[in-house]
Protein backbone atom coordinates (compact mmCIF):
# COMPACT_ATOMS: atom_id res chain seq x y z
CA MET A 1 0.00 0.00 0.00
CA SER A 2 1.21 3.49 -0.79
CA ASP A 3 1.40 6.08 1.99
CA TYR A 4 0.63 8.84 -0.51
CA THR A 5 -2.84 10.31 -1.03
CA ARG A 6 -3.72 11.99 -4.31
CA LEU A 7 -6.06 14.87 -3.53
CA THR A 8 -8.59 16.24 -6.00
CA ILE A 9 -10.56 19.47 -6.19
CA HIS A 10 -13.53 17.50 -4.79
CA ASP A 11 -11.54 16.80 -1.61
CA ILE A 12 -10.69 20.47 -1.11
CA ALA A 13 -14.30 21.48 -1.75
CA SER A 14 -15.49 18.97 0.85
CA MET A 15 -12.95 20.17 3.43
CA ALA A 16 -13.99 23.80 2.88
CA GLY A 17 -17.70 23.00 2.82
CA VAL A 18 -18.25 24.46 -0.66
CA SER A 19 -19.13 23.16 -4.10
CA ARG A 20 -16.47 21.82 -6.49
CA THR A 21 -17.14 24.77 -8.83
CA THR A 22 -16.62 27.33 -6.05
CA ALA A 23 -13.35 25.66 -4.97
CA SER A 24 -12.15 25.59 -8.57
CA MET A 25 -12.93 29.28 -9.11
CA VAL A 26 -11.04 30.27 -5.96
CA LEU A 27 -7.95 28.14 -6.66
CA ASN A 28 -7.76 29.33 -10.25
CA GLY A 29 -7.85 32.99 -9.29
CA ARG A 30 -11.37 33.71 -10.50
CA ALA A 31 -13.08 34.37 -7.16
CA LYS A 32 -13.47 38.10 -7.79
CA GLU A 33 -14.92 37.48 -11.24
CA PHE A 34 -17.68 35.30 -9.73
CA ARG A 35 -18.12 37.46 -6.61
CA ILE A 36 -17.23 34.72 -4.15
CA ALA A 37 -17.33 35.93 -0.54
CA ALA A 38 -14.04 36.61 1.18
CA ALA A 39 -14.84 34.18 4.01
CA THR A 40 -15.52 31.40 1.48
CA GLN A 41 -12.28 32.14 -0.32
CA GLN A 42 -10.42 31.95 2.99
CA ARG A 43 -11.83 28.50 3.81
CA VAL A 44 -10.84 27.13 0.40
CA LEU A 45 -7.35 28.59 0.50
CA GLU A 46 -6.75 27.34 4.05
CA ALA A 47 -7.82 23.82 3.02
CA ALA A 48 -5.48 23.91 0.05
CA GLN A 49 -2.58 25.27 2.09
CA LYS A 50 -3.07 22.73 4.86
CA THR A 51 -2.85 19.82 2.40
CA ASN A 52 -0.24 21.38 0.04
CA PHE A 53 -2.78 21.03 -2.76
CA GLN A 54 -2.09 22.38 -6.25
CA PRO A 55 -4.76 22.50 -8.99
CA SER A 56 -4.28 20.08 -11.87
CA HIS A 57 -2.09 21.77 -14.46
CA SER A 58 -3.38 19.44 -17.17
CA ALA A 59 -7.00 20.21 -16.37
CA ARG A 60 -6.28 23.94 -16.45
CA ALA A 61 -4.56 23.54 -19.81
CA LEU A 62 -7.53 21.67 -21.21
CA ARG A 63 -9.86 24.47 -20.15
CA SER A 64 -7.75 27.37 -21.35
CA GLY A 65 -5.93 25.83 -24.30
CA TYR A 66 -2.59 26.95 -22.81
CA SER A 67 -0.32 25.22 -20.30
CA ASN A 68 2.28 27.98 -19.86
CA THR A 69 4.96 25.32 -20.33
CA LEU A 70 7.56 24.95 -23.08
CA GLY A 71 9.54 21.91 -24.13
CA LEU A 72 13.27 21.73 -24.83
CA VAL A 73 14.82 18.70 -26.54
CA ILE A 74 18.59 18.58 -26.02
CA PRO A 75 20.92 15.99 -27.58
CA GLU A 76 23.18 15.50 -24.55
CA LEU A 77 23.14 16.95 -21.05
CA THR A 78 26.82 16.13 -20.44
CA ASN A 79 27.94 18.28 -23.38
CA LEU A 80 29.17 21.55 -21.85
CA ALA A 81 27.96 23.85 -24.64
CA LEU A 82 24.52 22.20 -24.87
CA ALA A 83 24.09 22.07 -21.11
CA SER A 84 25.05 25.76 -20.90
CA LEU A 85 22.35 26.59 -23.45
CA ALA A 86 19.74 24.63 -21.49
CA GLN A 87 20.88 26.31 -18.25
CA ALA A 88 20.55 29.75 -19.85
CA MET A 89 17.10 28.87 -21.19
CA GLU A 90 15.40 27.98 -17.89
CA PRO A 91 15.48 31.37 -16.09
CA ILE A 92 14.43 33.41 -19.12
CA CYS A 93 11.50 31.05 -19.71
CA HIS A 94 10.49 31.59 -16.09
CA GLN A 95 10.75 35.36 -16.53
CA ALA A 96 8.50 35.10 -19.58
CA GLY A 97 5.88 33.19 -17.56
CA TYR A 98 6.68 29.68 -18.75
CA GLN A 99 7.85 26.52 -17.04
CA LEU A 100 10.54 24.68 -19.05
CA LEU A 101 10.41 20.91 -19.47
CA VAL A 102 13.65 19.31 -20.71
CA VAL A 103 14.19 15.90 -22.30
CA SER A 104 17.34 14.40 -23.81
CA SER A 105 17.51 12.70 -27.21
CA ASN A 106 21.04 11.27 -26.74
CA ASP A 107 21.46 12.23 -30.42
CA ASP A 108 19.20 9.27 -31.27
CA PRO A 109 16.30 10.04 -33.68
CA GLU A 110 14.04 7.44 -32.07
CA GLN A 111 14.69 8.76 -28.57
CA GLU A 112 14.15 12.27 -29.88
CA ARG A 113 10.78 11.26 -31.34
CA ALA A 114 9.72 9.69 -28.03
CA GLY A 115 10.80 12.81 -26.14
CA ILE A 116 8.83 15.12 -28.43
CA GLU A 117 5.75 12.91 -28.12
CA HIS A 118 6.10 13.01 -24.33
CA LEU A 119 6.27 16.82 -24.32
CA ILE A 120 3.28 17.13 -26.63
CA ALA A 121 1.34 14.78 -24.36
CA ARG A 122 2.17 17.20 -21.55
CA GLN A 123 0.45 19.89 -23.66
CA VAL A 124 3.42 22.23 -23.93
CA ASP A 125 2.64 25.47 -25.74
CA GLY A 126 5.72 25.22 -27.95
CA LEU A 127 8.89 23.25 -28.62
CA MET A 128 12.57 24.20 -28.85
CA VAL A 129 14.53 21.37 -30.43
CA MET A 130 18.26 20.83 -31.01
CA PRO A 131 17.72 18.41 -33.92
CA CYS A 132 19.71 15.19 -34.20
CA SER A 133 18.55 14.46 -37.76
CA PRO A 134 19.31 16.50 -40.90
CA ASP A 135 15.97 15.44 -42.44
CA PRO A 136 13.50 18.39 -42.38
CA LYS A 137 10.52 16.04 -42.78
CA VAL A 138 11.11 14.82 -39.23
CA TYR A 139 10.43 18.29 -37.83
CA LEU A 140 7.92 19.58 -40.36
CA LYS A 141 5.40 17.02 -39.13
CA TRP A 142 5.75 18.28 -35.55
CA ARG A 143 5.44 21.88 -36.69
CA THR A 144 1.90 21.12 -37.85
CA ARG A 145 1.03 20.22 -34.26
CA LEU A 146 2.46 23.21 -32.38
CA PRO A 147 4.95 26.11 -32.66
CA LEU A 148 8.52 24.82 -33.05
CA CYS A 149 11.89 26.57 -33.17
CA LEU A 150 15.22 24.82 -33.80
CA ALA A 151 18.08 25.79 -31.49
CA ASP A 152 21.85 25.57 -32.09
CA ARG A 153 21.31 23.40 -35.18
CA ARG A 154 19.36 23.95 -38.38
CA VAL A 155 17.98 21.70 -41.11
CA ASN A 156 17.64 22.39 -44.79
CA ASP A 157 14.18 23.92 -44.90
CA LYS A 158 13.57 27.66 -44.72
CA SER A 159 10.13 27.17 -43.18
CA LEU A 160 11.69 25.75 -40.01
CA THR A 161 12.77 28.67 -37.83
CA HIS A 162 16.23 28.30 -36.29
CA VAL A 163 18.73 30.16 -34.14
CA ILE A 164 22.39 29.19 -34.59
CA THR A 165 25.92 30.43 -33.90
CA ASP A 166 28.02 32.00 -36.64
CA ALA A 167 30.45 29.07 -36.59
CA THR A 168 31.65 29.59 -40.16
CA GLY A 169 32.84 33.14 -39.64
CA ALA A 170 34.41 32.41 -36.27
CA VAL A 171 36.37 29.38 -37.50
CA THR A 172 37.53 31.26 -40.60
CA ASP A 173 38.85 34.13 -38.47
CA MET A 174 40.78 31.95 -36.06
CA VAL A 175 42.26 29.47 -38.54
CA SER A 176 43.20 32.30 -40.92
CA ASP A 177 45.09 33.97 -38.08
CA ALA A 178 46.96 30.72 -37.36
CA LEU A 179 47.98 30.42 -41.02
CA LYS A 180 49.07 33.99 -41.60
CA ASP A 181 52.69 33.31 -40.55
CA GLY A 182 53.20 30.64 -43.19
CA ALA A 183 52.42 27.44 -41.27
CA GLY A 184 51.64 25.82 -44.60
CA GLU A 185 49.16 23.25 -43.27
CA ALA A 186 46.17 22.86 -40.97
CA TYR A 187 44.34 19.77 -39.76
CA TYR A 188 40.65 19.53 -38.88
CA PHE A 189 39.21 17.01 -36.38
CA GLY A 190 35.41 16.95 -36.50
CA GLY A 191 32.38 14.77 -35.83
CA GLN A 192 28.90 14.00 -37.14
CA PRO A 193 29.50 15.60 -40.56
CA TYR A 194 25.80 15.47 -41.48
CA LEU A 195 24.77 17.95 -38.75
CA SER A 196 24.75 21.70 -39.44
CA PRO A 197 27.30 22.71 -36.74
CA SER A 198 29.83 20.34 -38.31
CA ILE A 199 28.99 21.58 -41.80
CA ASP A 200 29.44 25.21 -40.75
CA ARG A 201 32.70 24.60 -38.88
CA LEU A 202 34.23 22.71 -41.79
CA LYS A 203 33.07 25.40 -44.19
CA GLY A 204 34.88 28.00 -42.09
CA PHE A 205 38.01 25.85 -41.95
CA ARG A 206 38.11 25.44 -45.72
CA ALA A 207 37.48 29.15 -46.23
CA ALA A 208 40.56 29.85 -44.10
CA LEU A 209 42.65 27.47 -46.22
CA ALA A 210 41.48 29.22 -49.39
CA SER A 211 42.22 32.63 -47.88
CA ALA A 212 45.78 31.49 -47.11
CA GLY A 213 46.22 30.15 -50.63
CA LEU A 214 46.46 26.53 -49.42
CA GLU A 215 45.01 23.60 -51.29
CA GLU A 216 43.51 21.02 -48.96
CA GLN A 217 45.60 17.86 -48.88
CA PRO A 218 44.44 14.28 -48.20
CA GLY A 219 44.19 13.66 -44.46
CA TRP A 220 43.88 17.30 -43.45
CA VAL A 221 40.16 16.86 -42.74
CA ARG A 222 39.19 13.98 -40.44
CA ALA A 223 35.79 13.29 -38.89
CA ARG A 224 34.28 10.60 -36.68
CA ASP A 225 31.99 11.66 -33.86
CA TYR A 226 32.37 14.11 -30.97
CA ARG A 227 33.49 11.58 -28.37
CA ARG A 228 36.73 12.05 -26.47
CA SER A 229 37.97 8.69 -27.72
CA SER A 230 37.61 9.89 -31.31
CA GLY A 231 39.83 12.90 -30.61
CA TYR A 232 42.46 10.58 -29.12
CA ALA A 233 42.30 8.20 -32.09
CA MET A 234 42.51 10.95 -34.72
CA MET A 235 45.49 12.53 -32.95
CA GLN A 236 47.21 9.17 -32.69
CA ASP A 237 46.62 8.35 -36.37
CA CYS A 238 47.77 11.80 -37.44
CA TYR A 239 50.99 11.60 -35.42
CA GLN A 240 51.82 8.11 -36.70
CA GLU A 241 51.22 9.09 -40.33
CA LEU A 242 53.21 12.33 -40.17
CA GLY A 243 55.89 11.29 -37.73
CA ARG A 244 55.19 14.60 -35.99
CA TYR A 245 52.26 16.78 -34.98
CA PRO A 246 50.48 19.09 -37.45
CA ARG A 247 51.56 22.71 -37.28
CA VAL A 248 47.98 23.97 -36.94
CA LEU A 249 45.17 21.90 -35.43
CA PHE A 250 41.46 22.73 -35.20
CA THR A 251 39.16 20.51 -33.12
CA GLY A 252 35.42 20.82 -33.59
CA SER A 253 34.51 20.39 -29.92
CA MET A 254 35.91 20.42 -26.40
CA THR A 255 35.58 16.63 -26.18
CA LEU A 256 37.69 16.13 -29.31
CA LEU A 257 40.26 18.53 -27.90
CA GLU A 258 40.34 16.53 -24.66
CA GLY A 259 41.07 13.37 -26.63
CA ALA A 260 43.81 15.01 -28.69
CA LEU A 261 45.46 16.47 -25.58
CA ALA A 262 45.20 13.11 -23.81
CA PHE A 263 47.32 11.51 -26.55
CA ILE A 264 49.87 14.35 -26.37
CA SER A 265 49.98 14.09 -22.57
CA HIS A 266 50.27 10.31 -22.45
CA ASN A 267 53.32 10.55 -24.68
CA GLN A 268 54.76 13.58 -22.85
CA HIS A 269 54.81 15.51 -26.12
CA PHE A 270 53.82 18.99 -24.95
CA SER A 271 57.19 20.34 -26.10
CA ILE A 272 56.55 19.18 -29.69
CA ALA A 273 52.76 19.69 -29.78
CA PRO A 274 51.10 21.63 -32.62
CA GLN A 275 52.28 25.25 -32.83
CA ARG A 276 48.69 26.51 -32.85
CA ILE A 277 45.64 24.71 -31.51
CA ILE A 278 42.11 26.06 -31.94
CA THR A 279 38.96 24.49 -30.59
CA PHE A 280 35.23 25.08 -30.80
CA ASP A 281 33.70 25.49 -27.32
CA ASP A 282 35.45 27.03 -24.36
CA HIS A 283 36.26 26.18 -20.74
CA SER A 284 38.12 28.12 -18.07
CA LEU A 285 40.54 25.19 -17.68
CA LEU A 286 42.05 26.20 -21.01
CA ASP A 287 43.61 29.13 -19.15
CA CYS A 288 45.54 26.66 -16.97
CA LEU A 289 47.19 24.51 -19.65
CA PRO A 290 50.83 24.65 -20.77
CA LEU A 291 49.61 25.15 -24.35
CA LYS A 292 48.01 28.42 -25.49
CA ILE A 293 44.78 27.16 -27.03
CA ASP A 294 42.49 29.60 -28.81
CA SER A 295 38.80 28.83 -28.53
CA ILE A 296 35.42 29.76 -29.96
CA GLU A 297 32.66 30.11 -27.38
CA GLN A 298 28.98 30.06 -28.23
CA ASP A 299 26.98 32.83 -26.60
CA SER A 300 24.56 30.64 -24.68
CA GLN A 301 22.61 33.56 -23.26
CA ALA A 302 22.09 35.19 -26.67
CA LEU A 303 21.17 31.83 -28.24
CA ALA A 304 18.65 31.14 -25.49
CA GLN A 305 17.08 34.58 -25.67
CA ALA A 306 16.80 34.56 -29.46
CA THR A 307 15.36 31.02 -29.50
CA LEU A 308 12.76 31.81 -26.86
CA ALA A 309 11.83 35.07 -28.60
CA GLY A 310 11.42 33.19 -31.86
CA LEU A 311 9.22 30.55 -30.27
CA ILE A 312 7.02 33.08 -28.44
CA GLY A 313 6.66 34.91 -31.74
CA LEU A 314 5.40 31.70 -33.33
CA ILE A 315 3.01 31.11 -30.42
CA ASN A 316 1.64 34.61 -31.02
CA LYS A 317 1.33 33.83 -34.75
CA GLN A 318 4.01 36.29 -35.82
CA THR A 319 6.11 35.84 -38.95
CA PRO A 320 9.03 33.54 -38.06
CA VAL A 321 12.57 34.87 -38.48
CA SER A 322 15.72 32.74 -38.24
CA GLN A 323 18.78 34.27 -36.59
CA THR A 324 22.55 33.79 -36.47
CA VAL A 325 24.29 34.80 -33.24
CA PRO A 326 27.96 35.89 -33.15
CA ALA A 327 30.45 33.76 -31.21
CA HIS A 328 33.04 34.94 -28.69
CA LEU A 329 36.69 34.44 -29.71
CA HIS A 330 39.27 33.75 -27.00
CA TRP A 331 42.79 34.57 -28.25
CA ARG A 332 45.07 32.86 -25.72
CA SER A 333 47.87 32.55 -28.29
CA ARG A 334 48.17 36.34 -28.32
CA LYS A 335 48.80 36.58 -24.57
CA ALA A 336 52.35 36.88 -23.28
């Protein structure tokens, strides 16, 4: 037997000695509208307070058509950049009058589908999704059900509103700077090449090569996934093939950088490590390393604010507008 008792509005009405309708009007803030006596209101509120009763959110949503909740689907909660975006999203949703419900897709389309269905069943007023599939059809079908805005990642369909970081421009700027002194080569370690962040980062990398007058050579661009082990393996393969480290190295995520640095550390190669290392994503620990690693940091606060504004605009039936948010560049290589 459970020790828990699930109270209903009928129980509160009985405790206060009023009808179910009267109790409902009081607890939903409509007592003044229906001219319910102050003494009656007091009895209902005291009964609710005594039992820690809260009106059914689902029932309220059914009556009003709005739940004042939003859903966020995030690929991975252990990813620093994605977790930072989710963390930035929660307080601004609260300030806008919404409760945020978060589910993780684990970058698995089937788990993502189940998560979206769960949020819709909870009657959220809108969805913010970091898509794990490049197929727009997956998200177009959900958009027919409720307002939807893509965050951090986009898919190839202009009718799906998105908010992303200007990864292409940021990568071009940093890699171009690393090549300006005649390094003559640059290597790219990336992951999940079918997703838009990877596409944009590689586009920026190749633009930097072109700007430096370098023709991409076989092996300069390598991609697996964004796991730490992949960064280790790509660094190991690269070192064994070259017999040295590349002069310029760009890693597409903090986890790939961790893997690459783990290989360098395990072999005690910090003295012969790449001359310039650049990574996407940032962490304060980069300020404590023996290597001066430049980094590109997504503006989580700006991404969150723009995504929420876009979704609320869709909820209010405004014309959707996609946005690109600038990134922050951390130039540690320029510090003495």
